[in-house]
Amino acid sequence: MGKEIILEAKNINKYFREPVLFHVLKDINFTIKNGEFVSIMGKSGCGKSTLLYILSTMDTDYEGELYLGGDKLTGKHHEELAKIRSKHIGFVFQFHYLLSEFTVLENVMLPAKKLGLKSLQEIEHDAMEKLKLLHIDEQAHKLASRISGGQKQRVAIARALINDPDIIMGDEPTGNLDSHNAQNVMEIFKNLVQERNLSLLIVTHDTDFATKTDRIIEMEDGYIIKK
């Protein structure tokens, strides 16, 4: 029995209509299996981030079909997509987007509070567990503004994990880090895949990073040229 498919893009096309009609994504087809670590590479402007916005359900203005865990997402209402996103997809960006006036722990708790499926006590317990997993629990009660850049990105990963998503999507998650911290993030991602059978889809410019993933999807001029 093969691994189940967690994410599937079928014949995805995307157009920008302003200032002129521009075909950004051209007939995108691929699948990601459960527990697979995949990177997307390509020159700036090839459509990587645009594709990630569609796959993460943030952008619904496209042609084609998108499936998450066999469930068709295309055509669902924004409210329903927001719930699916909160529960099933974790995000890690180039900038950590932590709220500086909140503690590390409070930042990690936020997506679970928003989802509203657990009590505050349970959420706090889960958040501490995620921080322990990333070896940053000793910083839990510090303000997010008081920790280093590498630590902030770890907290951002803990936050992405709080609702136990099926897949984590990242847009240049090591783009702002030095090589030591980038290596740390890579190790964290690899452990998550091995220990938690999580799927990861990461857009990156970092060849070093991409070569350590299970598979590289290469894009050029809106097409996938290798997957």
N, C-alpha and C. Protein backbone atom coordinates (compact mmCIF):
# COMPACT_ATOMS: atom_id res chain seq x y z
N MET A 1 0.85 -1.19 0.00
CA MET A 1 0.00 0.00 0.00
C MET A 1 0.89 1.26 0.00
N GLY A 2 0.72 2.12 -1.01
CA GLY A 2 1.52 3.35 -1.09
C GLY A 2 1.04 4.36 -0.06
N LYS A 3 1.85 5.37 0.14
CA LYS A 3 1.44 6.42 1.08
C LYS A 3 0.26 7.19 0.49
N GLU A 4 -0.63 7.63 1.37
CA GLU A 4 -1.79 8.38 0.86
C GLU A 4 -1.35 9.77 0.40
N ILE A 5 -2.09 10.29 -0.58
CA ILE A 5 -1.79 11.62 -1.11
C ILE A 5 -2.43 12.66 -0.19
N ILE A 6 -1.63 13.61 0.24
CA ILE A 6 -2.14 14.64 1.15
C ILE A 6 -2.57 15.87 0.37
N LEU A 7 -1.82 16.21 -0.69
CA LEU A 7 -2.13 17.42 -1.46
C LEU A 7 -2.05 17.11 -2.94
N GLU A 8 -3.03 17.59 -3.69
CA GLU A 8 -3.01 17.36 -5.14
C GLU A 8 -3.45 18.61 -5.88
N ALA A 9 -2.64 19.00 -6.85
CA ALA A 9 -2.98 20.12 -7.74
C ALA A 9 -3.27 19.54 -9.11
N LYS A 10 -4.43 19.88 -9.67
CA LYS A 10 -4.82 19.35 -10.98
C LYS A 10 -5.08 20.49 -11.95
N ASN A 11 -4.27 20.54 -13.01
CA ASN A 11 -4.48 21.52 -14.09
C ASN A 11 -4.70 22.94 -13.58
N ILE A 12 -3.82 23.37 -12.69
CA ILE A 12 -3.99 24.72 -12.13
C ILE A 12 -3.39 25.78 -13.06
N ASN A 13 -4.23 26.74 -13.40
CA ASN A 13 -3.82 27.90 -14.20
C ASN A 13 -4.20 29.15 -13.44
N LYS A 14 -3.33 30.16 -13.53
CA LYS A 14 -3.60 31.42 -12.83
C LYS A 14 -3.25 32.57 -13.77
N TYR A 15 -4.15 33.54 -13.80
CA TYR A 15 -3.92 34.73 -14.63
C TYR A 15 -3.93 35.97 -13.74
N PHE A 16 -3.01 36.89 -14.02
CA PHE A 16 -3.14 38.24 -13.46
C PHE A 16 -3.82 39.05 -14.55
N ARG A 17 -4.82 39.83 -14.19
CA ARG A 17 -5.58 40.56 -15.21
C ARG A 17 -5.19 42.03 -15.30
N GLU A 18 -4.49 42.52 -14.29
CA GLU A 18 -4.08 43.93 -14.27
C GLU A 18 -2.56 44.01 -14.23
N PRO A 19 -1.90 44.97 -14.84
CA PRO A 19 -2.44 45.96 -15.77
C PRO A 19 -2.77 45.35 -17.14
N VAL A 20 -2.15 44.21 -17.45
CA VAL A 20 -2.51 43.51 -18.69
C VAL A 20 -2.67 42.03 -18.35
N LEU A 21 -3.32 41.28 -19.22
CA LEU A 21 -3.52 39.85 -18.97
C LEU A 21 -2.17 39.12 -19.00
N PHE A 22 -1.90 38.39 -17.91
CA PHE A 22 -0.63 37.67 -17.84
C PHE A 22 -0.89 36.28 -17.27
N HIS A 23 -0.42 35.27 -17.99
CA HIS A 23 -0.62 33.87 -17.59
C HIS A 23 0.53 33.48 -16.64
N VAL A 24 0.26 33.48 -15.33
CA VAL A 24 1.34 33.27 -14.34
C VAL A 24 1.66 31.79 -14.13
N LEU A 25 0.62 30.98 -13.90
CA LEU A 25 0.82 29.54 -13.67
C LEU A 25 0.16 28.78 -14.81
N LYS A 26 0.92 27.83 -15.37
CA LYS A 26 0.46 27.17 -16.59
C LYS A 26 0.36 25.66 -16.37
N ASP A 27 -0.88 25.20 -16.25
CA ASP A 27 -1.16 23.77 -16.21
C ASP A 27 -0.32 23.02 -15.18
N ILE A 28 -0.48 23.42 -13.93
CA ILE A 28 0.30 22.84 -12.83
C ILE A 28 -0.37 21.56 -12.33
N ASN A 29 0.38 20.45 -12.36
CA ASN A 29 -0.10 19.16 -11.86
C ASN A 29 0.97 18.51 -10.99
N PHE A 30 0.64 18.18 -9.76
CA PHE A 30 1.56 17.37 -8.94
C PHE A 30 0.84 16.89 -7.69
N THR A 31 1.42 15.92 -7.02
CA THR A 31 0.86 15.43 -5.75
C THR A 31 1.96 15.41 -4.69
N ILE A 32 1.54 15.53 -3.44
CA ILE A 32 2.47 15.37 -2.32
C ILE A 32 1.89 14.31 -1.41
N LYS A 33 2.72 13.34 -1.07
CA LYS A 33 2.25 12.24 -0.23
C LYS A 33 2.44 12.55 1.24
N ASN A 34 1.73 11.82 2.06
CA ASN A 34 1.85 11.94 3.50
C ASN A 34 3.30 11.65 3.91
N GLY A 35 3.89 12.52 4.74
CA GLY A 35 5.26 12.28 5.21
C GLY A 35 6.34 12.59 4.19
N GLU A 36 6.00 13.36 3.16
CA GLU A 36 6.98 13.70 2.14
C GLU A 36 7.47 15.14 2.35
N PHE A 37 8.75 15.36 2.12
CA PHE A 37 9.39 16.68 2.30
C PHE A 37 9.79 17.18 0.92
N VAL A 38 9.06 18.17 0.42
CA VAL A 38 9.23 18.62 -0.96
C VAL A 38 9.60 20.10 -0.99
N SER A 39 10.55 20.46 -1.86
CA SER A 39 10.87 21.88 -2.02
C SER A 39 10.49 22.33 -3.44
N ILE A 40 10.16 23.60 -3.56
CA ILE A 40 9.86 24.20 -4.86
C ILE A 40 10.94 25.24 -5.14
N MET A 41 11.59 25.11 -6.29
CA MET A 41 12.66 26.03 -6.66
C MET A 41 12.40 26.65 -8.01
N GLY A 42 13.07 27.76 -8.25
CA GLY A 42 12.95 28.44 -9.54
C GLY A 42 13.35 29.89 -9.36
N LYS A 43 13.67 30.54 -10.47
CA LYS A 43 14.10 31.94 -10.40
C LYS A 43 12.97 32.83 -9.87
N SER A 44 13.33 34.01 -9.37
CA SER A 44 12.33 34.98 -8.93
C SER A 44 11.39 35.27 -10.09
N GLY A 45 10.09 35.33 -9.77
CA GLY A 45 9.11 35.64 -10.81
C GLY A 45 8.62 34.44 -11.60
N CYS A 46 9.07 33.21 -11.21
CA CYS A 46 8.64 32.02 -11.97
C CYS A 46 7.27 31.52 -11.53
N GLY A 47 6.74 32.10 -10.43
CA GLY A 47 5.39 31.70 -9.98
C GLY A 47 5.36 30.87 -8.71
N LYS A 48 6.51 30.69 -8.04
CA LYS A 48 6.57 29.83 -6.85
C LYS A 48 5.63 30.33 -5.73
N SER A 49 5.78 31.60 -5.38
CA SER A 49 4.99 32.13 -4.27
C SER A 49 3.51 32.21 -4.64
N THR A 50 3.24 32.55 -5.89
CA THR A 50 1.84 32.58 -6.37
C THR A 50 1.22 31.20 -6.21
N LEU A 51 1.97 30.17 -6.57
CA LEU A 51 1.48 28.79 -6.44
C LEU A 51 1.22 28.46 -4.97
N LEU A 52 2.14 28.86 -4.10
CA LEU A 52 1.99 28.57 -2.67
C LEU A 52 0.72 29.22 -2.11
N TYR A 53 0.41 30.43 -2.57
CA TYR A 53 -0.81 31.10 -2.11
C TYR A 53 -2.06 30.33 -2.52
N ILE A 54 -2.02 29.74 -3.70
CA ILE A 54 -3.17 28.95 -4.15
C ILE A 54 -3.26 27.64 -3.36
N LEU A 55 -2.12 26.97 -3.20
CA LEU A 55 -2.10 25.68 -2.48
C LEU A 55 -2.52 25.86 -1.03
N SER A 56 -2.23 27.03 -0.46
CA SER A 56 -2.57 27.27 0.94
C SER A 56 -3.99 27.80 1.10
N THR A 57 -4.74 27.86 0.01
CA THR A 57 -6.15 28.31 -0.04
C THR A 57 -6.34 29.81 0.22
N MET A 58 -5.24 30.57 0.26
CA MET A 58 -5.36 32.02 0.47
C MET A 58 -5.88 32.71 -0.79
N ASP A 59 -5.49 32.15 -1.95
CA ASP A 59 -5.92 32.72 -3.23
C ASP A 59 -6.85 31.71 -3.89
N THR A 60 -8.09 32.13 -4.16
CA THR A 60 -9.07 31.20 -4.76
C THR A 60 -9.37 31.57 -6.20
N ASP A 61 -8.68 32.57 -6.73
CA ASP A 61 -8.93 33.01 -8.11
C ASP A 61 -7.99 32.27 -9.07
N TYR A 62 -8.34 31.03 -9.38
CA TYR A 62 -7.53 30.22 -10.30
C TYR A 62 -8.44 29.26 -11.05
N GLU A 63 -7.88 28.65 -12.09
CA GLU A 63 -8.61 27.60 -12.80
C GLU A 63 -7.96 26.27 -12.44
N GLY A 64 -8.72 25.19 -12.43
CA GLY A 64 -8.20 23.88 -12.06
C GLY A 64 -8.77 23.44 -10.72
N GLU A 65 -8.18 22.38 -10.16
CA GLU A 65 -8.72 21.82 -8.92
C GLU A 65 -7.62 21.56 -7.91
N LEU A 66 -7.98 21.79 -6.64
CA LEU A 66 -7.05 21.57 -5.54
C LEU A 66 -7.70 20.65 -4.52
N TYR A 67 -6.95 19.63 -4.09
CA TYR A 67 -7.45 18.65 -3.11
C TYR A 67 -6.51 18.58 -1.92
N LEU A 68 -7.08 18.51 -0.72
CA LEU A 68 -6.30 18.29 0.49
C LEU A 68 -6.85 17.06 1.18
N GLY A 69 -6.02 16.03 1.32
CA GLY A 69 -6.46 14.77 1.92
C GLY A 69 -7.67 14.18 1.21
N GLY A 70 -7.72 14.35 -0.11
CA GLY A 70 -8.81 13.79 -0.91
C GLY A 70 -10.06 14.66 -0.96
N ASP A 71 -10.07 15.73 -0.16
CA ASP A 71 -11.23 16.63 -0.10
C ASP A 71 -11.02 17.77 -1.10
N LYS A 72 -11.99 17.98 -1.99
CA LYS A 72 -11.83 19.05 -2.99
C LYS A 72 -12.05 20.42 -2.34
N LEU A 73 -11.03 21.28 -2.44
CA LEU A 73 -11.10 22.60 -1.82
C LEU A 73 -11.64 23.65 -2.78
N THR A 74 -11.43 23.43 -4.07
CA THR A 74 -11.86 24.39 -5.08
C THR A 74 -13.37 24.60 -4.99
N GLY A 75 -13.78 25.86 -4.94
CA GLY A 75 -15.22 26.16 -4.92
C GLY A 75 -15.80 26.32 -3.53
N LYS A 76 -15.02 25.99 -2.49
CA LYS A 76 -15.54 26.16 -1.12
C LYS A 76 -15.54 27.65 -0.75
N HIS A 77 -16.42 28.02 0.19
CA HIS A 77 -16.50 29.41 0.63
C HIS A 77 -15.31 29.79 1.50
N HIS A 78 -15.04 31.08 1.55
CA HIS A 78 -13.88 31.59 2.31
C HIS A 78 -13.90 31.17 3.77
N GLU A 79 -15.09 31.19 4.40
CA GLU A 79 -15.18 30.83 5.82
C GLU A 79 -14.76 29.37 6.03
N GLU A 80 -15.23 28.52 5.13
CA GLU A 80 -14.91 27.09 5.24
C GLU A 80 -13.42 26.86 4.99
N LEU A 81 -12.88 27.57 4.01
CA LEU A 81 -11.45 27.46 3.71
C LEU A 81 -10.61 27.94 4.89
N ALA A 82 -11.05 28.99 5.56
CA ALA A 82 -10.31 29.51 6.72
C ALA A 82 -10.23 28.46 7.82
N LYS A 83 -11.34 27.72 8.03
CA LYS A 83 -11.34 26.65 9.04
C LYS A 83 -10.38 25.53 8.63
N ILE A 84 -10.46 25.12 7.37
CA ILE A 84 -9.59 24.04 6.86
C ILE A 84 -8.13 24.45 7.01
N ARG A 85 -7.85 25.70 6.66
CA ARG A 85 -6.48 26.23 6.75
C ARG A 85 -5.99 26.18 8.19
N SER A 86 -6.81 26.65 9.11
CA SER A 86 -6.41 26.67 10.53
C SER A 86 -6.11 25.27 11.05
N LYS A 87 -6.94 24.31 10.64
CA LYS A 87 -6.83 22.96 11.20
C LYS A 87 -5.79 22.10 10.51
N HIS A 88 -5.67 22.22 9.19
CA HIS A 88 -4.88 21.24 8.42
C HIS A 88 -3.57 21.75 7.84
N ILE A 89 -3.41 23.08 7.81
CA ILE A 89 -2.19 23.63 7.18
C ILE A 89 -1.46 24.53 8.17
N GLY A 90 -0.15 24.30 8.33
CA GLY A 90 0.68 25.19 9.15
C GLY A 90 1.55 26.03 8.23
N PHE A 91 1.85 27.27 8.63
CA PHE A 91 2.64 28.16 7.78
C PHE A 91 3.90 28.63 8.47
N VAL A 92 4.99 28.66 7.70
CA VAL A 92 6.22 29.28 8.18
C VAL A 92 6.72 30.18 7.06
N PHE A 93 6.92 31.46 7.37
CA PHE A 93 7.33 32.42 6.36
C PHE A 93 8.78 32.84 6.55
N GLN A 94 9.26 33.67 5.62
CA GLN A 94 10.62 34.18 5.74
C GLN A 94 10.74 35.07 6.99
N PHE A 95 9.68 35.86 7.24
CA PHE A 95 9.65 36.68 8.45
C PHE A 95 8.73 35.96 9.44
N HIS A 96 9.14 35.92 10.68
CA HIS A 96 8.44 35.08 11.67
C HIS A 96 7.03 35.58 12.00
N TYR A 97 6.79 36.89 11.81
CA TYR A 97 5.47 37.49 12.13
C TYR A 97 5.01 37.18 13.56
N LEU A 98 5.92 37.20 14.50
CA LEU A 98 5.52 37.04 15.90
C LEU A 98 5.05 38.40 16.41
N LEU A 99 4.11 38.39 17.34
CA LEU A 99 3.65 39.64 17.93
C LEU A 99 4.58 40.00 19.09
N SER A 100 5.31 41.09 18.92
CA SER A 100 6.41 41.40 19.85
C SER A 100 5.94 41.70 21.27
N GLU A 101 4.68 42.17 21.42
CA GLU A 101 4.19 42.51 22.77
C GLU A 101 3.65 41.28 23.50
N PHE A 102 3.62 40.13 22.82
CA PHE A 102 3.16 38.88 23.44
C PHE A 102 4.37 38.03 23.80
N THR A 103 4.18 37.12 24.77
CA THR A 103 5.27 36.19 25.09
C THR A 103 5.36 35.13 24.00
N VAL A 104 6.46 34.41 24.04
CA VAL A 104 6.68 33.29 23.12
C VAL A 104 5.50 32.31 23.21
N LEU A 105 5.13 31.94 24.43
CA LEU A 105 4.03 30.99 24.65
C LEU A 105 2.71 31.51 24.07
N GLU A 106 2.42 32.78 24.32
CA GLU A 106 1.17 33.37 23.82
C GLU A 106 1.13 33.36 22.29
N ASN A 107 2.26 33.63 21.66
CA ASN A 107 2.34 33.60 20.20
C ASN A 107 2.01 32.21 19.65
N VAL A 108 2.55 31.19 20.30
CA VAL A 108 2.32 29.82 19.84
C VAL A 108 0.86 29.41 20.04
N MET A 109 0.24 29.93 21.09
CA MET A 109 -1.15 29.58 21.40
C MET A 109 -2.17 30.20 20.44
N LEU A 110 -1.80 31.32 19.81
CA LEU A 110 -2.78 32.10 19.03
C LEU A 110 -3.60 31.32 18.01
N PRO A 111 -2.98 30.52 17.11
CA PRO A 111 -3.80 29.82 16.11
C PRO A 111 -4.78 28.83 16.72
N ALA A 112 -4.42 28.24 17.87
CA ALA A 112 -5.31 27.27 18.52
C ALA A 112 -6.48 28.00 19.20
N LYS A 113 -6.20 29.19 19.73
CA LYS A 113 -7.27 29.99 20.33
C LYS A 113 -8.27 30.41 19.25
N LYS A 114 -7.70 30.75 18.10
CA LYS A 114 -8.55 31.18 16.98
C LYS A 114 -9.43 30.02 16.50
N LEU A 115 -8.85 28.83 16.45
CA LEU A 115 -9.61 27.65 16.00
C LEU A 115 -10.69 27.29 17.01
N GLY A 116 -10.39 27.48 18.30
CA GLY A 116 -11.40 27.34 19.35
C GLY A 116 -11.92 25.94 19.62
N LEU A 117 -11.10 24.91 19.41
CA LEU A 117 -11.56 23.53 19.64
C LEU A 117 -11.16 23.00 21.01
N LYS A 118 -10.25 23.72 21.69
CA LYS A 118 -9.75 23.21 22.98
C LYS A 118 -9.87 24.28 24.05
N SER A 119 -9.81 23.84 25.30
CA SER A 119 -9.82 24.79 26.41
C SER A 119 -8.48 25.52 26.45
N LEU A 120 -8.46 26.67 27.12
CA LEU A 120 -7.22 27.44 27.25
C LEU A 120 -6.12 26.63 27.91
N GLN A 121 -6.50 25.83 28.92
CA GLN A 121 -5.50 24.99 29.61
C GLN A 121 -4.87 23.98 28.65
N GLU A 122 -5.72 23.35 27.85
CA GLU A 122 -5.22 22.37 26.87
C GLU A 122 -4.31 23.05 25.84
N ILE A 123 -4.73 24.23 25.41
CA ILE A 123 -3.94 24.95 24.41
C ILE A 123 -2.57 25.31 24.98
N GLU A 124 -2.56 25.78 26.22
CA GLU A 124 -1.30 26.16 26.85
C GLU A 124 -0.39 24.94 27.00
N HIS A 125 -0.98 23.82 27.38
CA HIS A 125 -0.22 22.57 27.51
C HIS A 125 0.37 22.17 26.15
N ASP A 126 -0.46 22.19 25.12
CA ASP A 126 -0.01 21.84 23.76
C ASP A 126 1.11 22.76 23.28
N ALA A 127 0.95 24.05 23.57
CA ALA A 127 1.95 25.03 23.14
C ALA A 127 3.30 24.76 23.81
N MET A 128 3.26 24.42 25.11
CA MET A 128 4.50 24.09 25.81
C MET A 128 5.15 22.84 25.22
N GLU A 129 4.30 21.86 24.87
CA GLU A 129 4.82 20.63 24.26
C GLU A 129 5.53 20.92 22.94
N LYS A 130 4.94 21.81 22.14
CA LYS A 130 5.55 22.18 20.85
C LYS A 130 6.88 22.92 21.08
N LEU A 131 6.90 23.78 22.08
CA LEU A 131 8.13 24.51 22.38
C LEU A 131 9.23 23.55 22.87
N LYS A 132 8.81 22.54 23.64
CA LYS A 132 9.78 21.52 24.10
C LYS A 132 10.34 20.75 22.92
N LEU A 133 9.44 20.41 22.00
CA LEU A 133 9.83 19.67 20.79
C LEU A 133 10.93 20.42 20.03
N LEU A 134 10.85 21.74 20.06
CA LEU A 134 11.82 22.57 19.33
C LEU A 134 12.93 23.11 20.24
N HIS A 135 13.00 22.56 21.46
CA HIS A 135 14.06 22.91 22.43
C HIS A 135 14.12 24.41 22.68
N ILE A 136 12.97 25.01 22.84
CA ILE A 136 12.95 26.45 23.10
C ILE A 136 11.98 26.77 24.24
N ASP A 137 11.58 25.74 24.98
CA ASP A 137 10.59 25.93 26.07
C ASP A 137 11.11 26.85 27.18
N GLU A 138 12.44 26.93 27.31
CA GLU A 138 12.97 27.79 28.39
C GLU A 138 12.74 29.28 28.08
N GLN A 139 12.38 29.58 26.83
CA GLN A 139 12.10 30.98 26.44
C GLN A 139 10.61 31.31 26.51
N ALA A 140 9.79 30.35 26.96
CA ALA A 140 8.32 30.46 26.85
C ALA A 140 7.74 31.76 27.39
N HIS A 141 8.28 32.26 28.50
CA HIS A 141 7.65 33.42 29.14
C HIS A 141 8.36 34.73 28.83
N LYS A 142 9.31 34.67 27.91
CA LYS A 142 9.96 35.90 27.45
C LYS A 142 9.09 36.56 26.40
N LEU A 143 9.19 37.87 26.28
CA LEU A 143 8.50 38.56 25.19
C LEU A 143 9.17 38.15 23.88
N ALA A 144 8.37 38.03 22.84
CA ALA A 144 8.90 37.59 21.54
C ALA A 144 9.97 38.55 21.01
N SER A 145 9.88 39.82 21.43
CA SER A 145 10.87 40.81 20.96
C SER A 145 12.24 40.60 21.61
N ARG A 146 12.28 39.76 22.66
CA ARG A 146 13.52 39.61 23.44
C ARG A 146 14.36 38.39 23.07
N ILE A 147 13.97 37.68 22.04
CA ILE A 147 14.75 36.47 21.67
C ILE A 147 15.43 36.67 20.31
N SER A 148 16.40 35.84 20.00
CA SER A 148 17.20 36.02 18.77
C SER A 148 16.41 35.61 17.52
N GLY A 149 16.95 35.98 16.36
CA GLY A 149 16.30 35.66 15.08
C GLY A 149 16.10 34.17 14.86
N GLY A 150 17.12 33.39 15.18
CA GLY A 150 17.02 31.94 15.03
C GLY A 150 15.96 31.35 15.95
N GLN A 151 15.90 31.89 17.17
CA GLN A 151 14.89 31.43 18.14
C GLN A 151 13.49 31.81 17.66
N LYS A 152 13.36 33.01 17.10
CA LYS A 152 12.05 33.47 16.61
C LYS A 152 11.52 32.52 15.53
N GLN A 153 12.42 32.07 14.65
CA GLN A 153 11.95 31.18 13.59
C GLN A 153 11.53 29.83 14.17
N ARG A 154 12.19 29.39 15.23
CA ARG A 154 11.76 28.16 15.91
C ARG A 154 10.39 28.31 16.54
N VAL A 155 10.16 29.47 17.13
CA VAL A 155 8.85 29.75 17.73
C VAL A 155 7.79 29.77 16.63
N ALA A 156 8.13 30.34 15.48
CA ALA A 156 7.20 30.39 14.34
C ALA A 156 6.85 28.97 13.88
N ILE A 157 7.82 28.05 13.95
CA ILE A 157 7.55 26.66 13.56
C ILE A 157 6.64 26.01 14.61
N ALA A 158 6.91 26.28 15.89
CA ALA A 158 6.05 25.76 16.97
C ALA A 158 4.62 26.23 16.77
N ARG A 159 4.48 27.51 16.40
CA ARG A 159 3.14 28.08 16.16
C ARG A 159 2.46 27.37 14.98
N ALA A 160 3.24 27.08 13.95
CA ALA A 160 2.68 26.38 12.77
C ALA A 160 2.22 24.97 13.13
N LEU A 161 2.80 24.40 14.19
CA LEU A 161 2.48 23.02 14.59
C LEU A 161 1.33 22.91 15.58
N ILE A 162 0.90 24.04 16.15
CA ILE A 162 0.01 24.00 17.32
C ILE A 162 -1.31 23.26 17.06
N ASN A 163 -1.85 23.34 15.85
CA ASN A 163 -3.12 22.66 15.57
C ASN A 163 -2.92 21.28 14.95
N ASP A 164 -1.69 20.75 15.06
CA ASP A 164 -1.35 19.43 14.49
C ASP A 164 -1.80 19.31 13.03
N PRO A 165 -1.24 20.17 12.16
CA PRO A 165 -1.65 20.17 10.76
C PRO A 165 -1.19 18.92 10.03
N ASP A 166 -1.76 18.70 8.83
CA ASP A 166 -1.33 17.56 7.99
C ASP A 166 -0.13 17.95 7.15
N ILE A 167 -0.03 19.25 6.86
CA ILE A 167 1.07 19.71 6.01
C ILE A 167 1.52 21.08 6.50
N ILE A 168 2.83 21.30 6.41
CA ILE A 168 3.38 22.63 6.69
C ILE A 168 3.87 23.20 5.37
N MET A 169 3.47 24.44 5.10
CA MET A 169 3.94 25.14 3.91
C MET A 169 4.84 26.27 4.34
N GLY A 170 5.95 26.43 3.65
CA GLY A 170 6.90 27.48 4.01
C GLY A 170 7.30 28.30 2.80
N ASP A 171 7.36 29.61 2.99
CA ASP A 171 7.84 30.50 1.93
C ASP A 171 9.18 31.07 2.38
N GLU A 172 10.26 30.54 1.84
CA GLU A 172 11.62 30.98 2.18
C GLU A 172 11.87 30.99 3.70
N PRO A 173 11.56 29.89 4.42
CA PRO A 173 11.68 29.94 5.89
C PRO A 173 13.10 30.12 6.40
N THR A 174 14.11 29.89 5.55
CA THR A 174 15.49 30.11 6.00
C THR A 174 16.08 31.36 5.34
N GLY A 175 15.26 32.09 4.59
CA GLY A 175 15.74 33.24 3.81
C GLY A 175 16.38 34.34 4.63
N ASN A 176 15.98 34.45 5.89
CA ASN A 176 16.50 35.53 6.74
C ASN A 176 17.52 35.05 7.75
N LEU A 177 17.91 33.78 7.66
CA LEU A 177 18.77 33.19 8.70
C LEU A 177 20.19 32.98 8.21
N ASP A 178 21.14 33.03 9.13
CA ASP A 178 22.52 32.67 8.77
C ASP A 178 22.61 31.16 8.58
N SER A 179 23.74 30.69 8.08
CA SER A 179 23.84 29.27 7.69
C SER A 179 23.65 28.33 8.89
N HIS A 180 24.10 28.74 10.06
CA HIS A 180 23.96 27.91 11.26
C HIS A 180 22.48 27.73 11.61
N ASN A 181 21.73 28.83 11.64
CA ASN A 181 20.32 28.76 11.97
C ASN A 181 19.50 28.10 10.87
N ALA A 182 19.93 28.30 9.62
CA ALA A 182 19.24 27.65 8.49
C ALA A 182 19.39 26.14 8.62
N GLN A 183 20.58 25.70 9.02
CA GLN A 183 20.83 24.27 9.23
C GLN A 183 19.96 23.72 10.36
N ASN A 184 19.80 24.52 11.42
CA ASN A 184 18.92 24.12 12.54
C ASN A 184 17.49 23.91 12.08
N VAL A 185 16.99 24.85 11.27
CA VAL A 185 15.62 24.76 10.78
C VAL A 185 15.46 23.50 9.92
N MET A 186 16.48 23.23 9.11
CA MET A 186 16.46 22.03 8.26
C MET A 186 16.34 20.77 9.12
N GLU A 187 17.14 20.70 10.19
CA GLU A 187 17.11 19.54 11.09
C GLU A 187 15.72 19.38 11.73
N ILE A 188 15.15 20.51 12.15
CA ILE A 188 13.82 20.49 12.75
C ILE A 188 12.81 19.91 11.76
N PHE A 189 12.85 20.42 10.53
CA PHE A 189 11.92 19.94 9.49
C PHE A 189 12.10 18.43 9.25
N LYS A 190 13.34 18.00 9.15
CA LYS A 190 13.60 16.56 8.89
C LYS A 190 13.04 15.70 10.02
N ASN A 191 13.25 16.16 11.26
CA ASN A 191 12.72 15.42 12.42
C ASN A 191 11.20 15.34 12.40
N LEU A 192 10.56 16.43 12.01
CA LEU A 192 9.09 16.47 11.96
C LEU A 192 8.56 15.45 10.95
N VAL A 193 9.26 15.36 9.83
CA VAL A 193 8.85 14.41 8.79
C VAL A 193 9.03 12.98 9.30
N GLN A 194 10.19 12.71 9.91
CA GLN A 194 10.49 11.34 10.36
C GLN A 194 9.65 10.93 11.57
N GLU A 195 9.54 11.83 12.55
CA GLU A 195 8.89 11.44 13.81
C GLU A 195 7.39 11.61 13.79
N ARG A 196 6.90 12.57 13.00
CA ARG A 196 5.47 12.89 13.05
C ARG A 196 4.76 12.62 11.74
N ASN A 197 5.52 12.13 10.76
CA ASN A 197 4.95 11.80 9.45
C ASN A 197 4.25 13.01 8.82
N LEU A 198 4.79 14.19 9.13
CA LEU A 198 4.22 15.43 8.60
C LEU A 198 4.69 15.60 7.15
N SER A 199 3.87 16.23 6.33
CA SER A 199 4.30 16.59 4.97
C SER A 199 4.76 18.04 4.99
N LEU A 200 5.80 18.32 4.21
CA LEU A 200 6.30 19.69 4.12
C LEU A 200 6.45 20.11 2.67
N LEU A 201 6.02 21.33 2.38
CA LEU A 201 6.18 21.90 1.05
C LEU A 201 6.80 23.28 1.24
N ILE A 202 8.05 23.42 0.79
CA ILE A 202 8.81 24.63 1.09
C ILE A 202 9.31 25.29 -0.19
N VAL A 203 8.94 26.56 -0.38
CA VAL A 203 9.49 27.37 -1.47
C VAL A 203 10.82 27.93 -0.99
N THR A 204 11.87 27.73 -1.77
CA THR A 204 13.19 28.20 -1.34
C THR A 204 14.08 28.60 -2.51
N HIS A 205 15.02 29.50 -2.23
CA HIS A 205 16.08 29.86 -3.19
C HIS A 205 17.36 29.12 -2.83
N ASP A 206 17.35 28.49 -1.66
CA ASP A 206 18.56 27.92 -1.08
C ASP A 206 18.80 26.50 -1.61
N THR A 207 19.74 26.38 -2.54
CA THR A 207 20.02 25.08 -3.17
C THR A 207 20.46 24.05 -2.14
N ASP A 208 21.29 24.49 -1.19
CA ASP A 208 21.75 23.63 -0.10
C ASP A 208 20.57 22.99 0.62
N PHE A 209 19.58 23.83 0.92
CA PHE A 209 18.38 23.39 1.63
C PHE A 209 17.60 22.40 0.76
N ALA A 210 17.37 22.79 -0.48
CA ALA A 210 16.54 21.98 -1.39
C ALA A 210 17.11 20.59 -1.63
N THR A 211 18.44 20.49 -1.75
CA THR A 211 19.05 19.19 -2.04
C THR A 211 18.88 18.21 -0.88
N LYS A 212 18.56 18.74 0.31
CA LYS A 212 18.36 17.85 1.47
C LYS A 212 16.91 17.39 1.60
N THR A 213 16.03 17.88 0.74
CA THR A 213 14.62 17.46 0.81
C THR A 213 14.44 16.20 -0.05
N ASP A 214 13.29 15.53 0.11
CA ASP A 214 13.04 14.27 -0.61
C ASP A 214 12.95 14.49 -2.12
N ARG A 215 12.44 15.66 -2.50
CA ARG A 215 12.16 15.88 -3.92
C ARG A 215 12.11 17.38 -4.18
N ILE A 216 12.62 17.77 -5.35
CA ILE A 216 12.58 19.19 -5.74
C ILE A 216 11.64 19.35 -6.93
N ILE A 217 10.66 20.25 -6.77
CA ILE A 217 9.81 20.62 -7.90
C ILE A 217 10.43 21.88 -8.49
N GLU A 218 10.82 21.82 -9.77
CA GLU A 218 11.45 22.99 -10.38
C GLU A 218 10.47 23.71 -11.27
N MET A 219 10.44 25.04 -11.12
CA MET A 219 9.54 25.86 -11.93
C MET A 219 10.31 26.82 -12.81
N GLU A 220 9.74 27.10 -13.96
CA GLU A 220 10.31 28.08 -14.88
C GLU A 220 9.18 28.69 -15.69
N ASP A 221 9.11 30.02 -15.70
CA ASP A 221 8.09 30.76 -16.47
C ASP A 221 6.67 30.22 -16.27
N GLY A 222 6.34 29.88 -15.03
CA GLY A 222 4.97 29.46 -14.75
C GLY A 222 4.68 27.98 -14.97
N TYR A 223 5.68 27.26 -15.51
CA TYR A 223 5.51 25.81 -15.73
C TYR A 223 6.30 25.04 -14.67
N ILE A 224 5.87 23.81 -14.40
CA ILE A 224 6.71 22.90 -13.65
C ILE A 224 7.56 22.17 -14.69
N ILE A 225 8.88 22.27 -14.58
CA ILE A 225 9.75 21.63 -15.57
C ILE A 225 10.33 20.32 -15.04
N LYS A 226 10.23 20.13 -13.71
CA LYS A 226 10.70 18.87 -13.12
C LYS A 226 9.97 18.67 -11.81
N LYS A 227 9.52 17.41 -11.56
CA LYS A 227 8.82 17.18 -10.29
C LYS A 227 9.13 15.79 -9.74
